[in-house]
N, C-alpha and C. Protein backbone atom coordinates (compact mmCIF):
# COMPACT_ATOMS: atom_id res chain seq x y z
N UNK A 1 -8.59 -2.33 2.30
CA UNK A 1 -7.19 -1.97 2.20
C UNK A 1 -6.96 -1.42 0.80
N UNK A 2 -6.20 -0.32 0.73
CA UNK A 2 -5.78 0.21 -0.56
C UNK A 2 -4.33 -0.22 -0.77
N UNK A 3 -4.09 -1.00 -1.79
CA UNK A 3 -2.74 -1.47 -2.14
C UNK A 3 -2.25 -0.62 -3.31
N UNK A 4 -1.12 0.00 -3.16
CA UNK A 4 -0.62 0.97 -4.14
C UNK A 4 0.45 0.31 -4.99
N UNK A 5 0.22 0.27 -6.30
CA UNK A 5 1.14 -0.37 -7.24
C UNK A 5 1.71 0.63 -8.24
N UNK A 6 2.96 0.41 -8.58
CA UNK A 6 3.64 1.08 -9.71
C UNK A 6 3.51 2.59 -9.71
N UNK A 7 3.62 3.21 -8.56
CA UNK A 7 3.55 4.67 -8.53
C UNK A 7 4.96 5.26 -8.60
N UNK A 8 5.04 6.43 -9.15
CA UNK A 8 6.31 7.17 -9.19
C UNK A 8 6.38 7.96 -7.90
N UNK A 9 7.25 7.55 -6.99
CA UNK A 9 7.35 8.21 -5.69
C UNK A 9 8.71 8.89 -5.59
N UNK A 10 8.72 10.23 -5.70
CA UNK A 10 10.00 10.92 -5.57
C UNK A 10 10.58 10.78 -4.18
N UNK A 11 11.89 10.67 -4.11
CA UNK A 11 12.60 10.52 -2.85
C UNK A 11 12.94 11.90 -2.28
N UNK A 12 13.20 12.00 -0.97
CA UNK A 12 13.66 13.28 -0.42
C UNK A 12 14.88 13.77 -1.19
N UNK A 13 14.91 15.06 -1.45
CA UNK A 13 15.99 15.63 -2.26
C UNK A 13 15.57 15.86 -3.70
N UNK A 14 14.61 15.08 -4.19
CA UNK A 14 14.05 15.28 -5.52
C UNK A 14 13.19 16.55 -5.47
N UNK A 15 13.30 17.44 -6.45
CA UNK A 15 12.51 18.67 -6.43
C UNK A 15 10.99 18.43 -6.38
N UNK A 16 10.55 17.26 -6.82
CA UNK A 16 9.11 16.94 -6.80
C UNK A 16 8.64 16.44 -5.44
N UNK A 17 9.58 16.13 -4.54
CA UNK A 17 9.23 15.52 -3.26
C UNK A 17 8.27 16.37 -2.41
N UNK A 18 8.53 17.66 -2.20
CA UNK A 18 7.63 18.44 -1.32
C UNK A 18 6.18 18.43 -1.79
N UNK A 19 5.96 18.59 -3.09
CA UNK A 19 4.59 18.59 -3.61
C UNK A 19 3.95 17.20 -3.47
N UNK A 20 4.70 16.15 -3.75
CA UNK A 20 4.18 14.79 -3.61
C UNK A 20 3.83 14.50 -2.16
N UNK A 21 4.69 14.91 -1.24
CA UNK A 21 4.44 14.71 0.18
C UNK A 21 3.19 15.47 0.63
N UNK A 22 3.02 16.68 0.14
CA UNK A 22 1.84 17.47 0.49
C UNK A 22 0.56 16.79 0.01
N UNK A 23 0.58 16.21 -1.20
CA UNK A 23 -0.60 15.50 -1.72
C UNK A 23 -0.92 14.27 -0.89
N UNK A 24 0.11 13.52 -0.53
CA UNK A 24 -0.09 12.31 0.28
C UNK A 24 -0.62 12.68 1.66
N UNK A 25 -0.05 13.72 2.28
CA UNK A 25 -0.53 14.15 3.59
C UNK A 25 -1.97 14.67 3.52
N UNK A 26 -2.33 15.37 2.44
CA UNK A 26 -3.70 15.85 2.28
C UNK A 26 -4.66 14.66 2.17
N UNK A 27 -4.25 13.62 1.44
CA UNK A 27 -5.10 12.42 1.33
C UNK A 27 -5.29 11.76 2.68
N UNK A 28 -4.19 11.58 3.43
CA UNK A 28 -4.28 10.98 4.77
C UNK A 28 -5.16 11.83 5.69
N UNK A 29 -5.03 13.15 5.58
CA UNK A 29 -5.87 14.05 6.39
C UNK A 29 -7.35 13.89 6.04
N UNK A 30 -7.66 13.72 4.76
CA UNK A 30 -9.06 13.51 4.34
C UNK A 30 -9.59 12.20 4.91
N UNK A 31 -8.77 11.16 4.89
CA UNK A 31 -9.19 9.88 5.47
C UNK A 31 -9.41 10.02 6.97
N UNK A 32 -8.55 10.78 7.65
CA UNK A 32 -8.73 11.01 9.09
C UNK A 32 -10.00 11.83 9.34
N UNK A 33 -10.23 12.86 8.52
CA UNK A 33 -11.43 13.70 8.67
C UNK A 33 -12.70 12.86 8.58
N UNK A 34 -12.69 11.87 7.70
CA UNK A 34 -13.84 10.98 7.54
C UNK A 34 -13.91 9.91 8.62
N UNK A 35 -12.85 9.80 9.40
CA UNK A 35 -12.83 8.80 10.48
C UNK A 35 -12.57 7.38 10.01
N UNK A 36 -11.94 7.22 8.83
CA UNK A 36 -11.71 5.87 8.29
C UNK A 36 -10.24 5.45 8.35
N UNK A 37 -9.35 6.39 8.64
CA UNK A 37 -7.92 6.08 8.61
C UNK A 37 -7.55 5.14 9.75
N UNK A 38 -6.93 4.01 9.42
CA UNK A 38 -6.41 3.08 10.42
C UNK A 38 -4.88 3.11 10.39
N UNK A 39 -4.30 2.99 9.19
CA UNK A 39 -2.84 3.00 9.03
C UNK A 39 -2.49 3.25 7.58
N UNK A 40 -1.29 3.71 7.36
CA UNK A 40 -0.79 3.88 6.00
C UNK A 40 0.72 3.91 6.03
N UNK A 41 1.34 3.15 5.13
CA UNK A 41 2.80 3.08 5.12
C UNK A 41 3.31 2.89 3.70
N UNK A 42 4.31 3.69 3.31
CA UNK A 42 5.00 3.38 2.06
C UNK A 42 5.99 2.26 2.32
N UNK A 43 6.33 1.54 1.30
CA UNK A 43 7.34 0.48 1.41
C UNK A 43 8.64 0.95 0.77
N UNK A 44 9.74 0.39 1.22
CA UNK A 44 11.02 0.64 0.56
C UNK A 44 10.92 0.13 -0.88
N UNK A 45 11.81 0.59 -1.72
CA UNK A 45 11.82 0.16 -3.13
C UNK A 45 11.95 -1.36 -3.24
N UNK A 46 11.47 -1.90 -4.37
CA UNK A 46 11.40 -3.36 -4.54
C UNK A 46 12.76 -4.04 -4.48
N UNK A 47 13.85 -3.34 -4.80
CA UNK A 47 15.18 -3.99 -4.74
C UNK A 47 15.58 -4.32 -3.29
N UNK A 48 14.87 -3.77 -2.30
CA UNK A 48 15.18 -4.07 -0.90
C UNK A 48 14.44 -5.31 -0.40
N UNK A 49 13.58 -5.87 -1.22
CA UNK A 49 12.75 -7.00 -0.81
C UNK A 49 13.56 -8.29 -0.71
N UNK A 50 13.11 -9.17 0.16
CA UNK A 50 13.62 -10.53 0.25
C UNK A 50 12.40 -11.44 0.25
N UNK A 51 12.39 -12.43 -0.61
CA UNK A 51 11.25 -13.33 -0.73
C UNK A 51 11.58 -14.65 -0.06
N UNK A 52 10.67 -15.14 0.79
CA UNK A 52 10.86 -16.40 1.51
C UNK A 52 9.77 -17.37 1.07
N UNK A 53 10.16 -18.57 0.74
CA UNK A 53 9.23 -19.64 0.39
C UNK A 53 9.73 -20.94 1.02
N UNK A 54 8.81 -21.80 1.39
CA UNK A 54 9.17 -23.11 1.92
C UNK A 54 8.62 -24.16 0.96
N UNK A 55 9.49 -24.97 0.41
CA UNK A 55 9.11 -26.01 -0.55
C UNK A 55 9.71 -27.33 -0.08
N UNK A 56 8.85 -28.32 0.08
CA UNK A 56 9.28 -29.65 0.51
C UNK A 56 10.14 -29.56 1.77
N UNK A 57 9.74 -28.70 2.70
CA UNK A 57 10.42 -28.56 3.98
C UNK A 57 11.69 -27.74 3.95
N UNK A 58 12.06 -27.20 2.79
CA UNK A 58 13.27 -26.40 2.67
C UNK A 58 12.91 -24.93 2.49
N UNK A 59 13.59 -24.07 3.26
CA UNK A 59 13.37 -22.64 3.14
C UNK A 59 14.22 -22.08 2.01
N UNK A 60 13.57 -21.39 1.09
CA UNK A 60 14.25 -20.76 -0.03
C UNK A 60 14.17 -19.25 0.16
N UNK A 61 15.31 -18.59 0.15
CA UNK A 61 15.35 -17.14 0.33
C UNK A 61 15.95 -16.53 -0.92
N UNK A 62 15.22 -15.58 -1.50
CA UNK A 62 15.65 -14.91 -2.73
C UNK A 62 15.70 -13.41 -2.48
N UNK A 63 16.81 -12.79 -2.84
CA UNK A 63 16.89 -11.34 -2.76
C UNK A 63 16.02 -10.74 -3.86
N UNK A 64 15.32 -9.67 -3.50
CA UNK A 64 14.47 -8.99 -4.46
C UNK A 64 13.06 -9.53 -4.42
N UNK A 65 12.19 -8.90 -5.20
CA UNK A 65 10.79 -9.34 -5.22
C UNK A 65 10.66 -10.67 -5.96
N UNK A 66 9.52 -11.29 -5.81
CA UNK A 66 9.26 -12.55 -6.50
C UNK A 66 9.47 -12.33 -8.00
N UNK A 67 10.24 -13.16 -8.67
CA UNK A 67 10.65 -12.89 -10.04
C UNK A 67 9.51 -12.76 -11.06
N UNK A 68 8.37 -13.36 -10.80
CA UNK A 68 7.28 -13.29 -11.77
C UNK A 68 6.40 -12.06 -11.57
N UNK A 69 6.74 -11.20 -10.62
CA UNK A 69 5.95 -10.02 -10.35
C UNK A 69 6.12 -9.00 -11.46
N UNK A 70 4.99 -8.54 -12.01
CA UNK A 70 5.03 -7.52 -13.05
C UNK A 70 4.74 -6.14 -12.48
N UNK A 71 3.98 -6.08 -11.40
CA UNK A 71 3.68 -4.84 -10.73
C UNK A 71 4.39 -4.83 -9.38
N UNK A 72 4.78 -3.67 -8.93
CA UNK A 72 5.49 -3.56 -7.66
C UNK A 72 4.63 -2.86 -6.64
N UNK A 73 4.46 -3.50 -5.49
CA UNK A 73 3.70 -2.95 -4.39
C UNK A 73 4.52 -1.85 -3.73
N UNK A 74 3.98 -0.62 -3.71
CA UNK A 74 4.72 0.50 -3.17
C UNK A 74 4.30 0.91 -1.77
N UNK A 75 3.13 0.44 -1.33
CA UNK A 75 2.64 0.80 -0.01
C UNK A 75 1.18 0.42 0.13
N UNK A 76 0.61 0.76 1.28
CA UNK A 76 -0.78 0.40 1.54
C UNK A 76 -1.38 1.33 2.57
N UNK A 77 -2.68 1.51 2.48
CA UNK A 77 -3.47 2.18 3.49
C UNK A 77 -4.49 1.18 4.00
N UNK A 78 -4.68 1.15 5.30
CA UNK A 78 -5.77 0.38 5.90
C UNK A 78 -6.82 1.40 6.30
N UNK A 79 -8.00 1.27 5.72
CA UNK A 79 -9.10 2.19 5.98
C UNK A 79 -10.30 1.40 6.47
N UNK A 80 -11.08 1.98 7.34
CA UNK A 80 -12.30 1.34 7.85
C UNK A 80 -13.48 2.06 7.23
N UNK A 81 -13.75 1.76 5.96
CA UNK A 81 -14.81 2.44 5.19
C UNK A 81 -16.17 1.82 5.49
N UNK A 82 -17.21 2.63 5.29
CA UNK A 82 -18.57 2.14 5.56
C UNK A 82 -19.01 1.11 4.52
N UNK A 83 -18.46 1.23 3.29
CA UNK A 83 -18.84 0.30 2.23
C UNK A 83 -17.83 0.39 1.08
N UNK A 84 -18.02 -0.45 0.08
CA UNK A 84 -17.12 -0.48 -1.07
C UNK A 84 -17.14 0.85 -1.82
N UNK A 85 -18.29 1.48 -1.92
CA UNK A 85 -18.36 2.75 -2.63
C UNK A 85 -17.44 3.80 -2.02
N UNK A 86 -17.42 3.89 -0.69
CA UNK A 86 -16.53 4.85 -0.05
C UNK A 86 -15.07 4.47 -0.28
N UNK A 87 -14.75 3.20 -0.22
CA UNK A 87 -13.38 2.75 -0.46
C UNK A 87 -12.94 3.09 -1.89
N UNK A 88 -13.81 2.90 -2.86
CA UNK A 88 -13.49 3.22 -4.25
C UNK A 88 -13.33 4.72 -4.45
N UNK A 89 -14.18 5.50 -3.78
CA UNK A 89 -14.08 6.96 -3.85
C UNK A 89 -12.72 7.42 -3.31
N UNK A 90 -12.32 6.87 -2.17
CA UNK A 90 -11.04 7.25 -1.59
C UNK A 90 -9.87 6.76 -2.43
N UNK A 91 -9.99 5.59 -3.03
CA UNK A 91 -8.93 5.09 -3.91
C UNK A 91 -8.72 6.06 -5.07
N UNK A 92 -9.80 6.60 -5.60
CA UNK A 92 -9.69 7.57 -6.71
C UNK A 92 -9.07 8.88 -6.23
N UNK A 93 -9.26 9.23 -4.96
CA UNK A 93 -8.66 10.45 -4.40
C UNK A 93 -7.19 10.26 -4.04
N UNK A 94 -6.75 9.03 -3.89
CA UNK A 94 -5.36 8.75 -3.52
C UNK A 94 -4.44 9.30 -4.61
N UNK A 95 -3.49 10.16 -4.24
CA UNK A 95 -2.67 10.79 -5.28
C UNK A 95 -1.84 9.81 -6.11
N UNK A 96 -1.54 8.64 -5.57
CA UNK A 96 -0.75 7.67 -6.33
C UNK A 96 -1.56 7.01 -7.45
N UNK A 97 -2.88 7.19 -7.45
CA UNK A 97 -3.71 6.65 -8.53
C UNK A 97 -3.44 7.37 -9.85
N UNK A 98 -2.87 8.57 -9.78
CA UNK A 98 -2.62 9.36 -10.99
C UNK A 98 -1.55 8.76 -11.89
N UNK A 99 -0.58 8.03 -11.31
CA UNK A 99 0.45 7.45 -12.17
C UNK A 99 0.68 5.97 -11.90
N UNK A 100 0.02 5.42 -10.89
CA UNK A 100 0.09 3.99 -10.60
C UNK A 100 -1.32 3.43 -10.61
N UNK A 101 -1.56 2.44 -9.80
CA UNK A 101 -2.91 1.90 -9.66
C UNK A 101 -3.13 1.53 -8.20
N UNK A 102 -4.39 1.58 -7.81
CA UNK A 102 -4.77 1.29 -6.43
C UNK A 102 -5.71 0.09 -6.45
N UNK A 103 -5.30 -0.98 -5.82
CA UNK A 103 -6.16 -2.16 -5.68
C UNK A 103 -6.92 -2.01 -4.37
N UNK A 104 -8.23 -2.14 -4.44
CA UNK A 104 -9.08 -2.08 -3.25
C UNK A 104 -9.48 -3.50 -2.91
N UNK A 105 -9.13 -3.91 -1.68
CA UNK A 105 -9.44 -5.29 -1.29
C UNK A 105 -9.87 -5.32 0.17
N UNK A 106 -11.01 -5.97 0.44
CA UNK A 106 -11.44 -6.09 1.84
C UNK A 106 -10.48 -6.98 2.62
N UNK A 107 -10.32 -6.65 3.89
CA UNK A 107 -9.53 -7.49 4.79
C UNK A 107 -10.42 -8.62 5.25
N UNK A 108 -9.92 -9.83 5.18
CA UNK A 108 -10.72 -11.02 5.53
C UNK A 108 -10.88 -11.11 7.04
N UNK A 109 -12.08 -11.35 7.47
CA UNK A 109 -12.33 -11.63 8.88
C UNK A 109 -12.26 -13.14 9.08
N UNK A 110 -11.25 -13.60 9.80
CA UNK A 110 -11.06 -15.03 9.99
C UNK A 110 -11.31 -15.35 11.47
N UNK A 111 -12.36 -16.12 11.78
CA UNK A 111 -12.63 -16.45 13.18
C UNK A 111 -11.43 -17.14 13.83
N UNK A 112 -11.07 -16.66 15.02
CA UNK A 112 -9.98 -17.28 15.79
C UNK A 112 -8.60 -16.76 15.44
N UNK A 113 -8.48 -15.93 14.39
CA UNK A 113 -7.18 -15.38 14.01
C UNK A 113 -6.88 -14.19 14.90
N UNK A 114 -5.73 -14.20 15.55
CA UNK A 114 -5.33 -13.12 16.45
C UNK A 114 -4.51 -12.12 15.67
N UNK A 115 -5.05 -10.90 15.47
CA UNK A 115 -4.38 -9.85 14.68
C UNK A 115 -3.55 -8.92 15.54
N UNK A 116 -3.57 -9.07 16.84
CA UNK A 116 -2.85 -8.15 17.72
C UNK A 116 -1.35 -8.33 17.60
N UNK A 117 -0.62 -7.19 17.72
CA UNK A 117 0.84 -7.23 17.59
C UNK A 117 1.55 -7.60 18.83
C-alpha cells in the first residue's frame, strides 16, 4: 500500500488542478499498465475527519484528526506489486512524492480475516 502524506493537492477550480489531475491519472495508468493497480482514493481534507476511540468501555468521538498527528494522510493506493523494489519504484513515480511523502507498507495477511465488503 502506498500511503500519501502531506501533499499539496489543488482543488477543482485552482489553476494548478488540471495539471495535477493529469499527473495523478498518468501514475494510475502506469500502475494499470503494469497490472498492479488494485485501488486508489484521495481522502477529504483532515478537517473533515472524526476520530473514534473506546477507553474503559466509553466511546470518545473527536472532530478532526487525532491531535498528536504531525503528518496528514491524504490518500492511498493499493497495489499488487511483485516485490518491495517495484513498490518503491512506483512510490518514487507517484506525483505526490514531489511535495509530500509516500509510505510503502505491505498489507498484512491475517489467517481467518474476512476482507470482503
